[in-house]
Amino acid sequence: MEQKDLDYVIEAHRDFSKSNSKAYRKWDAKTPYYTHPIWCASMIASETSLSETVRNEGIQALLYHDVLEDTNLPLPDWLSKRVVDLVAEMTFYNGSSQEMQEIWDKSKEVRLYKLYDKVSNLLDGCWMSEEKRRKYEEYTKRLCEDVEENYGQLNIIKICWSCITLL
């Protein structure tokens, strides 16, 4: 993670959010939204069993994964075409129901990266209704199983299982 990436993501979510509700996390409406992509990127950075390429592309893709959906800024021009393509694959403008249907047609890397996103949301998902949480957990469980099959026992898998109450 380079400082310019952190600065860009913080500024994008702090100063260029599409709405005030996109500038803060839903669970308390006080925590700056940018903590979410930074958490996701930090978590994948610790997955040393992943290839260096998957990990490094994941760090950047996760840092920028909500910029297009939630802010008025474009992606910065210093990102590689591969990372721009990954962010585009991770972007769903029509919400979670679109994502839950279309994610299975995406690359295994995108499904891996989305697991970090979903686990982070579950960790501070006390704002979700019981029905929304049930659907979210069901979806995240499927992602977790897919990621475990493709990448083995990662730290995010352990965290995922500990925050899913469905089982």
Protein backbone atom coordinates (compact mmCIF):
# COMPACT_ATOMS: atom_id res chain seq x y z
CA MET A 1 0.00 0.00 0.00
CA GLU A 2 1.50 3.25 -1.05
CA GLN A 3 0.78 6.55 0.65
CA LYS A 4 -0.62 8.06 -2.55
CA ASP A 5 -3.20 5.25 -2.72
CA LEU A 6 -4.23 5.75 0.90
CA ASP A 7 -4.43 9.51 0.43
CA TYR A 8 -6.55 9.13 -2.71
CA VAL A 9 -9.01 6.70 -1.11
CA ILE A 10 -9.35 8.80 2.04
CA GLU A 11 -9.93 11.98 0.04
CA ALA A 12 -12.36 10.27 -2.33
CA HIS A 13 -14.61 9.01 0.47
CA ARG A 14 -14.16 12.00 2.77
CA ASP A 15 -14.49 14.86 0.26
CA PHE A 16 -16.17 13.41 -2.84
CA SER A 17 -18.83 10.98 -1.56
CA LYS A 18 -21.98 10.91 -3.68
CA SER A 19 -23.98 11.53 -0.51
CA ASN A 20 -23.32 12.14 3.17
CA SER A 21 -24.49 8.60 3.94
CA LYS A 22 -21.67 7.31 1.68
CA ALA A 23 -19.04 9.20 3.71
CA TYR A 24 -19.65 7.22 6.91
CA ARG A 25 -20.20 3.58 7.86
CA LYS A 26 -23.87 2.64 8.34
CA TRP A 27 -23.47 1.03 11.73
CA ASP A 28 -22.80 4.30 13.58
CA ALA A 29 -22.89 7.08 10.94
CA LYS A 30 -19.67 8.42 12.53
CA THR A 31 -16.88 6.09 11.40
CA PRO A 32 -15.35 7.42 8.17
CA TYR A 33 -16.20 5.17 5.25
CA TYR A 34 -12.59 4.96 4.10
CA THR A 35 -11.82 2.70 7.08
CA HIS A 36 -13.65 -0.08 5.22
CA PRO A 37 -11.48 -0.29 2.07
CA ILE A 38 -8.35 0.21 4.16
CA TRP A 39 -9.36 -2.68 6.44
CA CYS A 40 -10.04 -4.91 3.42
CA ALA A 41 -6.69 -4.07 1.82
CA SER A 42 -4.84 -4.54 5.11
CA MET A 43 -6.40 -7.95 5.65
CA ILE A 44 -5.40 -9.30 2.25
CA ALA A 45 -1.89 -7.88 2.72
CA SER A 46 -1.45 -10.37 5.58
CA GLU A 47 -2.38 -13.41 3.47
CA THR A 48 1.15 -14.65 2.77
CA SER A 49 -0.06 -17.96 1.33
CA LEU A 50 -1.52 -16.09 -1.66
CA SER A 51 0.73 -15.42 -4.64
CA GLU A 52 2.41 -12.05 -4.57
CA THR A 53 0.50 -11.02 -7.70
CA VAL A 54 -2.93 -11.93 -6.30
CA ARG A 55 -2.09 -10.24 -3.01
CA ASN A 56 -0.69 -7.02 -4.51
CA GLU A 57 -3.48 -6.66 -7.07
CA GLY A 58 -5.95 -7.40 -4.28
CA ILE A 59 -4.55 -4.69 -2.05
CA GLN A 60 -5.12 -2.08 -4.75
CA ALA A 61 -8.45 -3.49 -5.96
CA LEU A 62 -9.78 -3.55 -2.40
CA LEU A 63 -8.56 -0.04 -1.66
CA TYR A 64 -10.41 1.31 -4.69
CA HIS A 65 -13.37 -1.10 -4.84
CA ASP A 66 -16.01 1.44 -3.73
CA VAL A 67 -14.63 4.58 -5.37
CA LEU A 68 -16.72 4.24 -8.54
CA GLU A 69 -19.93 3.28 -6.74
CA ASP A 70 -19.78 5.71 -3.84
CA THR A 71 -17.76 8.77 -4.87
CA ASN A 72 -17.64 11.31 -7.67
CA LEU A 73 -13.99 10.65 -8.45
CA PRO A 74 -12.65 8.40 -11.19
CA LEU A 75 -9.94 5.87 -10.51
CA PRO A 76 -6.47 7.44 -10.56
CA ASP A 77 -4.46 7.12 -13.75
CA TRP A 78 -1.53 5.41 -12.01
CA LEU A 79 -3.43 2.16 -11.49
CA SER A 80 -2.54 -0.70 -13.81
CA LYS A 81 -5.07 -1.81 -16.41
CA ARG A 82 -5.41 -5.10 -14.51
CA VAL A 83 -6.38 -3.34 -11.25
CA VAL A 84 -8.80 -1.03 -13.11
CA ASP A 85 -10.41 -4.12 -14.66
CA LEU A 86 -10.65 -5.84 -11.26
CA VAL A 87 -12.31 -2.78 -9.72
CA ALA A 88 -14.74 -2.64 -12.65
CA GLU A 89 -15.59 -6.32 -12.09
CA MET A 90 -16.19 -5.61 -8.40
CA THR A 91 -18.49 -2.66 -9.09
CA PHE A 92 -22.24 -3.24 -9.04
CA TYR A 93 -24.29 -0.09 -9.54
CA ASN A 94 -27.64 -1.81 -8.90
CA GLY A 95 -26.94 -3.02 -5.40
CA SER A 96 -26.37 -6.27 -3.58
CA SER A 97 -29.05 -8.32 -5.36
CA GLN A 98 -27.26 -7.70 -8.68
CA GLU A 99 -23.95 -8.61 -7.06
CA MET A 100 -25.29 -11.80 -5.47
CA GLN A 101 -26.49 -13.02 -8.87
CA GLU A 102 -23.61 -11.90 -11.08
CA ILE A 103 -20.61 -12.59 -8.84
CA TRP A 104 -20.50 -16.26 -9.86
CA ASP A 105 -19.69 -15.23 -13.45
CA LYS A 106 -16.70 -13.18 -12.27
CA SER A 107 -13.12 -14.35 -11.91
CA LYS A 108 -12.04 -16.32 -8.85
CA GLU A 109 -9.86 -13.33 -7.84
CA VAL A 110 -12.89 -11.03 -7.79
CA ARG A 111 -14.78 -13.55 -5.66
CA LEU A 112 -11.78 -13.69 -3.31
CA TYR A 113 -11.64 -9.90 -3.04
CA LYS A 114 -15.40 -9.66 -2.52
CA LEU A 115 -15.09 -11.98 0.47
CA TYR A 116 -12.97 -9.39 2.27
CA ASP A 117 -15.59 -6.76 1.46
CA LYS A 118 -18.48 -8.88 2.73
CA VAL A 119 -16.74 -10.00 5.92
CA SER A 120 -15.93 -6.39 6.77
CA ASN A 121 -19.58 -5.48 6.27
CA LEU A 122 -20.73 -8.34 8.48
CA LEU A 123 -18.36 -7.29 11.24
CA ASP A 124 -20.13 -3.94 11.54
CA GLY A 125 -23.50 -5.06 10.19
CA CYS A 126 -25.59 -4.45 13.29
CA TRP A 127 -27.66 -2.02 11.18
CA MET A 128 -28.98 -4.87 9.00
CA SER A 129 -32.50 -6.16 9.45
CA GLU A 130 -32.77 -9.82 10.43
CA GLU A 131 -33.80 -10.76 6.87
CA LYS A 132 -31.04 -8.72 5.23
CA ARG A 133 -28.44 -10.19 7.56
CA ARG A 134 -29.68 -13.73 6.83
CA LYS A 135 -29.36 -13.18 3.06
CA TYR A 136 -25.99 -11.49 3.50
CA GLU A 137 -24.66 -14.33 5.64
CA GLU A 138 -25.94 -16.92 3.18
CA TYR A 139 -24.18 -15.12 0.31
CA THR A 140 -20.98 -14.65 2.30
CA LYS A 141 -21.01 -18.33 3.30
CA ARG A 142 -21.15 -19.30 -0.40
CA LEU A 143 -18.30 -16.90 -1.17
CA CYS A 144 -16.29 -18.34 1.72
CA GLU A 145 -16.76 -21.90 0.48
CA ASP A 146 -15.76 -20.86 -3.05
CA VAL A 147 -12.67 -19.02 -1.85
CA GLU A 148 -11.62 -21.91 0.39
CA GLU A 149 -11.97 -24.32 -2.55
CA ASN A 150 -9.86 -22.04 -4.79
CA TYR A 151 -7.28 -20.71 -2.31
CA GLY A 152 -7.25 -22.98 0.72
CA GLN A 153 -7.41 -22.02 4.39
CA LEU A 154 -6.83 -18.25 4.49
CA ASN A 155 -7.15 -15.96 7.50
CA ILE A 156 -10.25 -14.36 5.93
CA ILE A 157 -11.90 -17.81 5.89
CA LYS A 158 -11.42 -18.15 9.65
CA ILE A 159 -12.76 -14.65 10.25
CA CYS A 160 -15.69 -15.33 7.94
CA TRP A 161 -16.81 -18.45 9.77
CA SER A 162 -16.55 -16.68 13.11
CA CYS A 163 -18.90 -13.88 12.05
CA ILE A 164 -21.56 -15.99 10.31
CA THR A 165 -24.26 -17.02 12.76
CA LEU A 166 -26.33 -18.99 10.26
CA LEU A 167 -24.50 -22.24 10.72
